[in-house]
Protein backbone atom coordinates (compact mmCIF):
# COMPACT_ATOMS: atom_id res chain seq x y z
CA MET A 1 -77.97 -1.73 -9.93
CA ARG A 2 -79.40 -5.23 -10.02
CA ILE A 3 -80.65 -6.81 -6.80
CA PHE A 4 -81.87 -10.35 -6.09
CA THR A 5 -83.43 -12.40 -3.32
CA VAL A 6 -82.11 -15.95 -3.12
CA ASP A 7 -83.11 -18.78 -0.78
CA SER A 8 -79.90 -20.52 0.33
CA PHE A 9 -79.19 -24.03 1.60
CA THR A 10 -82.34 -25.37 -0.01
CA ASP A 11 -83.46 -26.64 -3.42
CA ARG A 12 -87.05 -25.50 -2.85
CA PRO A 13 -88.44 -21.95 -2.96
CA PHE A 14 -89.50 -20.36 0.34
CA ARG A 15 -87.28 -22.66 2.40
CA GLY A 16 -83.72 -22.21 3.63
CA ASN A 17 -82.40 -18.75 4.38
CA PRO A 18 -83.26 -15.78 2.15
CA ALA A 19 -80.50 -13.31 1.37
CA ALA A 20 -80.46 -10.22 -0.80
CA VAL A 21 -77.62 -9.83 -3.30
CA CYS A 22 -76.79 -6.39 -4.69
CA LEU A 23 -74.45 -6.17 -7.70
CA LEU A 24 -72.67 -2.85 -7.21
CA ASP A 25 -71.64 -0.72 -10.18
CA ASP A 26 -69.11 1.26 -8.13
CA THR A 27 -68.01 1.87 -4.55
CA VAL A 28 -70.73 3.20 -2.25
CA PRO A 29 -70.71 4.50 1.34
CA ASP A 30 -71.08 2.02 4.20
CA GLU A 31 -74.11 3.96 5.42
CA TRP A 32 -75.85 3.39 2.08
CA MET A 33 -75.25 -0.37 2.23
CA GLN A 34 -76.55 -0.48 5.79
CA ALA A 35 -79.66 1.44 4.74
CA VAL A 36 -80.32 -0.97 1.86
CA ALA A 37 -79.89 -3.95 4.20
CA ALA A 38 -82.36 -2.42 6.64
CA GLU A 39 -84.80 -1.88 3.75
CA MET A 40 -84.43 -5.49 2.54
CA ARG A 41 -84.93 -6.85 6.08
CA HIS A 42 -83.29 -10.20 5.36
CA SER A 43 -80.88 -11.55 7.94
CA GLU A 44 -78.10 -10.55 5.52
CA THR A 45 -77.72 -8.51 2.36
CA ALA A 46 -74.58 -9.11 0.31
CA PHE A 47 -72.87 -6.38 -1.72
CA VAL A 48 -70.47 -7.56 -4.42
CA LEU A 49 -68.21 -5.39 -6.58
CA ARG A 50 -65.74 -6.34 -9.29
CA GLU A 51 -62.57 -4.24 -9.05
CA GLY A 52 -59.87 -5.16 -11.56
CA ASP A 53 -58.76 -8.75 -12.13
CA GLY A 54 -58.43 -9.83 -8.49
CA PRO A 55 -61.03 -11.35 -6.15
CA LEU A 56 -64.44 -9.70 -6.10
CA SER A 57 -65.12 -7.48 -3.12
CA LEU A 58 -67.87 -8.95 -0.91
CA ARG A 59 -69.44 -7.48 2.23
CA TRP A 60 -72.45 -8.52 4.31
CA PHE A 61 -74.89 -6.44 6.37
CA THR A 62 -77.72 -7.48 8.66
CA PRO A 63 -80.56 -4.95 9.09
CA ALA A 64 -78.55 -3.55 12.02
CA VAL A 65 -74.78 -4.14 11.58
CA GLU A 66 -72.04 -5.31 9.23
CA VAL A 67 -70.79 -8.84 9.89
CA ALA A 68 -67.35 -10.32 9.24
CA LEU A 69 -68.46 -13.73 7.96
CA CYS A 70 -71.66 -14.99 6.36
CA GLY A 71 -72.21 -18.31 4.62
CA HIS A 72 -75.73 -18.18 3.22
CA ALA A 73 -75.28 -14.75 1.61
CA THR A 74 -72.00 -15.91 0.06
CA LEU A 75 -73.81 -18.94 -1.34
CA ALA A 76 -76.54 -16.63 -2.64
CA THR A 77 -73.96 -14.35 -4.28
CA ALA A 78 -72.20 -17.23 -6.01
CA HIS A 79 -75.55 -18.62 -7.16
CA VAL A 80 -76.46 -15.27 -8.74
CA LEU A 81 -73.10 -14.91 -10.47
CA TYR A 82 -73.18 -18.46 -11.84
CA SER A 83 -76.74 -17.93 -13.09
CA LEU A 84 -75.51 -14.82 -14.95
CA GLY A 85 -72.81 -16.76 -16.78
CA GLU A 86 -69.82 -16.93 -14.46
CA SER A 87 -68.12 -20.32 -14.23
CA GLY A 88 -65.34 -22.13 -12.42
CA ARG A 89 -63.78 -20.95 -9.17
CA LEU A 90 -64.92 -17.57 -7.85
CA GLU A 91 -62.84 -15.74 -5.24
CA PHE A 92 -64.14 -13.05 -2.88
CA ALA A 93 -62.12 -10.61 -0.81
CA THR A 94 -63.89 -10.28 2.56
CA LYS A 95 -63.25 -9.25 6.15
CA SER A 96 -62.53 -12.94 6.82
CA GLY A 97 -59.91 -13.21 4.09
CA VAL A 98 -60.31 -14.64 0.61
CA LEU A 99 -63.25 -17.05 0.30
CA ALA A 100 -63.81 -19.21 -2.76
CA THR A 101 -66.76 -21.03 -4.35
CA GLU A 102 -67.10 -23.70 -7.02
CA GLN A 103 -70.01 -25.49 -8.64
CA THR A 104 -70.22 -29.26 -8.38
CA GLY A 105 -71.82 -31.70 -10.79
CA ASP A 106 -74.84 -32.39 -8.57
CA GLY A 107 -76.09 -28.82 -8.51
CA LEU A 108 -74.40 -27.91 -5.25
CA ILE A 109 -72.21 -24.87 -4.71
CA ALA A 110 -69.21 -25.57 -2.47
CA MET A 111 -67.59 -22.78 -0.45
CA ASP A 112 -64.11 -22.69 1.08
CA PHE A 113 -64.42 -21.11 4.53
CA PRO A 114 -62.19 -20.84 7.62
CA ALA A 115 -62.82 -23.26 10.47
CA LYS A 116 -63.82 -21.52 13.71
CA PRO A 117 -63.50 -24.22 16.40
CA ALA A 118 -65.02 -23.55 19.81
CA THR A 119 -62.98 -23.75 23.02
CA PRO A 120 -64.77 -25.34 25.99
CA GLY A 121 -65.69 -23.02 28.82
CA THR A 122 -68.20 -22.09 31.49
CA PRO A 123 -71.44 -20.58 30.17
CA PRO A 124 -71.39 -16.77 30.52
CA ASP A 125 -73.80 -15.16 32.97
CA GLY A 126 -77.37 -15.22 31.73
CA LEU A 127 -76.90 -17.64 28.84
CA VAL A 128 -78.54 -20.74 30.33
CA GLU A 129 -81.41 -18.69 31.76
CA ALA A 130 -81.96 -16.93 28.41
CA LEU A 131 -82.08 -20.23 26.49
CA GLY A 132 -83.99 -22.23 29.09
CA VAL A 133 -81.91 -25.37 28.42
CA THR A 134 -79.64 -27.75 30.32
CA PRO A 135 -76.33 -27.79 28.41
CA VAL A 136 -74.19 -30.89 28.13
CA TRP A 137 -71.30 -28.83 26.67
CA THR A 138 -70.61 -25.13 26.15
CA GLY A 139 -67.82 -23.29 24.39
CA ARG A 140 -66.90 -20.13 22.54
CA SER A 141 -65.58 -19.64 19.00
CA GLU A 142 -64.18 -16.43 17.53
CA PHE A 143 -67.67 -14.98 17.01
CA ASP A 144 -70.25 -17.22 18.67
CA LEU A 145 -71.17 -19.34 21.67
CA LEU A 146 -71.82 -23.05 21.11
CA VAL A 147 -74.25 -24.94 23.35
CA GLU A 148 -74.85 -28.68 22.98
CA VAL A 149 -78.05 -30.12 24.45
CA GLY A 150 -79.22 -33.69 24.80
CA SER A 151 -81.52 -34.30 21.83
CA VAL A 152 -83.02 -33.09 18.57
CA ALA A 153 -86.29 -32.47 20.41
CA GLU A 154 -84.55 -30.12 22.85
CA VAL A 155 -83.07 -28.09 20.00
CA ARG A 156 -86.47 -27.81 18.30
CA ALA A 157 -88.10 -26.74 21.59
CA VAL A 158 -85.71 -23.88 22.43
CA ASP A 159 -87.65 -20.64 22.90
CA PRO A 160 -85.12 -18.01 24.03
CA ASP A 161 -85.82 -14.92 26.05
CA MET A 162 -84.47 -12.54 23.41
CA GLU A 163 -84.13 -9.60 25.78
CA ARG A 164 -81.94 -11.67 28.10
CA LEU A 165 -80.03 -13.18 25.19
CA THR A 166 -79.20 -9.71 23.86
CA GLY A 167 -77.26 -9.15 27.07
CA VAL A 168 -74.94 -12.11 26.43
CA GLU A 169 -71.60 -11.07 24.93
CA ALA A 170 -71.41 -12.86 21.55
CA ARG A 171 -72.36 -12.27 17.94
CA GLY A 172 -74.72 -15.24 18.21
CA VAL A 173 -75.57 -18.44 20.05
CA ILE A 174 -75.59 -21.85 18.36
CA VAL A 175 -77.70 -24.57 19.99
CA THR A 176 -76.92 -28.06 18.70
CA ALA A 177 -77.44 -31.78 19.28
CA SER A 178 -76.61 -35.08 17.63
CA GLY A 179 -78.90 -35.95 14.73
CA GLU A 180 -79.55 -39.40 16.15
CA GLY A 181 -82.90 -40.66 14.89
CA ILE A 182 -83.03 -38.40 11.81
CA SER A 183 -81.17 -38.36 8.49
CA ALA A 184 -78.69 -35.61 9.50
CA ASP A 185 -75.50 -36.09 11.52
CA TYR A 186 -76.32 -33.11 13.73
CA VAL A 187 -78.94 -30.39 14.10
CA SER A 188 -78.69 -26.76 15.12
CA ARG A 189 -80.42 -23.42 15.54
CA PHE A 190 -78.81 -19.98 15.60
CA PHE A 191 -79.88 -16.89 17.56
CA ALA A 192 -78.27 -13.46 17.11
CA PRO A 193 -80.45 -10.72 18.59
CA ARG A 194 -77.38 -8.52 19.25
CA ALA A 195 -76.85 -8.42 15.47
CA GLY A 196 -80.50 -7.65 14.74
CA VAL A 197 -81.36 -11.28 13.82
CA PRO A 198 -83.46 -12.96 16.55
CA GLU A 199 -83.25 -16.34 14.77
CA ASP A 200 -81.39 -16.98 11.54
CA PRO A 201 -83.08 -19.69 9.44
CA VAL A 202 -79.86 -21.34 8.14
CA THR A 203 -76.43 -20.05 9.13
CA GLY A 204 -73.42 -21.02 7.04
CA SER A 205 -70.86 -19.36 9.31
CA ALA A 206 -72.21 -21.28 12.33
CA HIS A 207 -71.22 -24.48 10.53
CA CYS A 208 -67.62 -23.26 10.59
CA VAL A 209 -67.98 -23.94 14.32
CA LEU A 210 -70.24 -26.99 14.08
CA ALA A 211 -68.14 -28.87 11.49
CA PRO A 212 -64.95 -29.16 13.59
CA TYR A 213 -66.99 -29.85 16.74
CA TRP A 214 -69.07 -32.69 15.30
CA SER A 215 -66.27 -34.07 13.11
CA ALA A 216 -64.20 -34.56 16.26
CA ARG A 217 -67.16 -36.10 18.09
CA LEU A 218 -68.22 -38.42 15.25
CA GLY A 219 -64.78 -39.23 13.81
CA ARG A 220 -65.67 -38.23 10.23
CA ASP A 221 -64.66 -35.25 8.10
CA ALA A 222 -67.78 -35.20 5.88
CA LEU A 223 -71.09 -34.54 7.63
CA VAL A 224 -74.64 -33.33 6.96
CA GLY A 225 -76.04 -30.64 9.25
CA GLU A 226 -79.73 -29.79 9.45
CA GLN A 227 -80.74 -26.38 10.80
CA VAL A 228 -84.15 -27.02 12.33
CA SER A 229 -85.58 -23.51 12.21
CA GLU A 230 -89.13 -22.94 10.96
CA ARG A 231 -87.89 -22.65 7.35
CA GLY A 232 -85.18 -25.30 7.74
CA GLY A 233 -82.15 -25.99 5.60
CA THR A 234 -79.31 -28.41 4.93
CA VAL A 235 -75.57 -27.66 5.04
CA ARG A 236 -73.07 -30.30 3.92
CA THR A 237 -69.72 -29.83 5.65
CA THR A 238 -66.28 -31.28 4.99
CA LEU A 239 -63.39 -30.50 7.33
CA ARG A 240 -60.20 -29.94 5.33
CA PRO A 241 -56.99 -29.64 7.40
CA ALA A 242 -54.28 -27.53 5.80
CA PRO A 243 -50.78 -26.46 6.88
CA GLN A 244 -51.96 -22.85 7.18
CA GLY A 245 -54.90 -23.79 9.41
CA ASP A 246 -58.08 -25.83 9.14
CA ARG A 247 -60.66 -24.98 6.51
CA VAL A 248 -64.27 -26.06 6.13
CA GLU A 249 -66.05 -26.75 2.87
CA LEU A 250 -69.71 -25.75 3.15
CA ALA A 251 -71.98 -26.92 0.35
CA GLY A 252 -75.62 -26.33 -0.46
CA HIS A 253 -78.22 -25.52 -3.07
CA ALA A 254 -79.83 -22.15 -3.73
CA VAL A 255 -82.94 -20.85 -5.53
CA THR A 256 -83.52 -17.36 -6.95
CA ILE A 257 -86.90 -15.97 -5.82
CA TRP A 258 -86.93 -12.61 -7.59
CA SER A 259 -84.67 -10.07 -9.24
CA GLY A 260 -85.03 -6.41 -10.12
CA GLU A 261 -83.31 -3.03 -10.27
CA LEU A 262 -82.50 -0.79 -7.34
CA GLU A 263 -83.64 2.69 -8.32
CA VAL A 264 -81.93 4.74 -5.60
């Protein structure tokens, strides 16, 4: 089976968020996929399988657990498939429903994802102490906690106590601020030690939370988010209301770093 490493949400090698993409020949046990993900040691490894004429099956595993939604590994998967000759709209059957991708004329890959707006609420016990920040707003989405702080500098300076943060009930914690003073509309970082990912370099699924939050705050549907991790990356978001429920278009570039064959 062919396997790739792709840097997502960047147009430069060794930036953005690396994901592994495994092109399955047939169905395999969950335990095998989890073992491969642990071997690859990226924040996510994607496993894609073509079954019949319907959407491709797509699943994502961190080194520790399977996750229900992942943006950068979906982008990486689409990038691999397009580079191998696929074209047009690709559809993926996932644990978060059918997700779709399309190439755009400027080299971007756009992904159709569900919006995951956060509901305001009191910070859970231990969150503020684990992050060491003074929140100006906190809320919870389906998977994650969202914490807004006062400036880009505060987001860059966050140095969580990972042991404490592991005790907070959430898949992950998004720390964000307005992008005032830089070229982005907003900035963020994402921490998920409970899922085996202390800090994720660029997190597409977090922007399913960030896009509706900052679109409401800024009064615009189309925004640019900058994830200010050490590697850094850019996610372009467009909020797209629909009768069935809001959707978010996430768009970014991707770069293949290496490819090979899995021999086990």
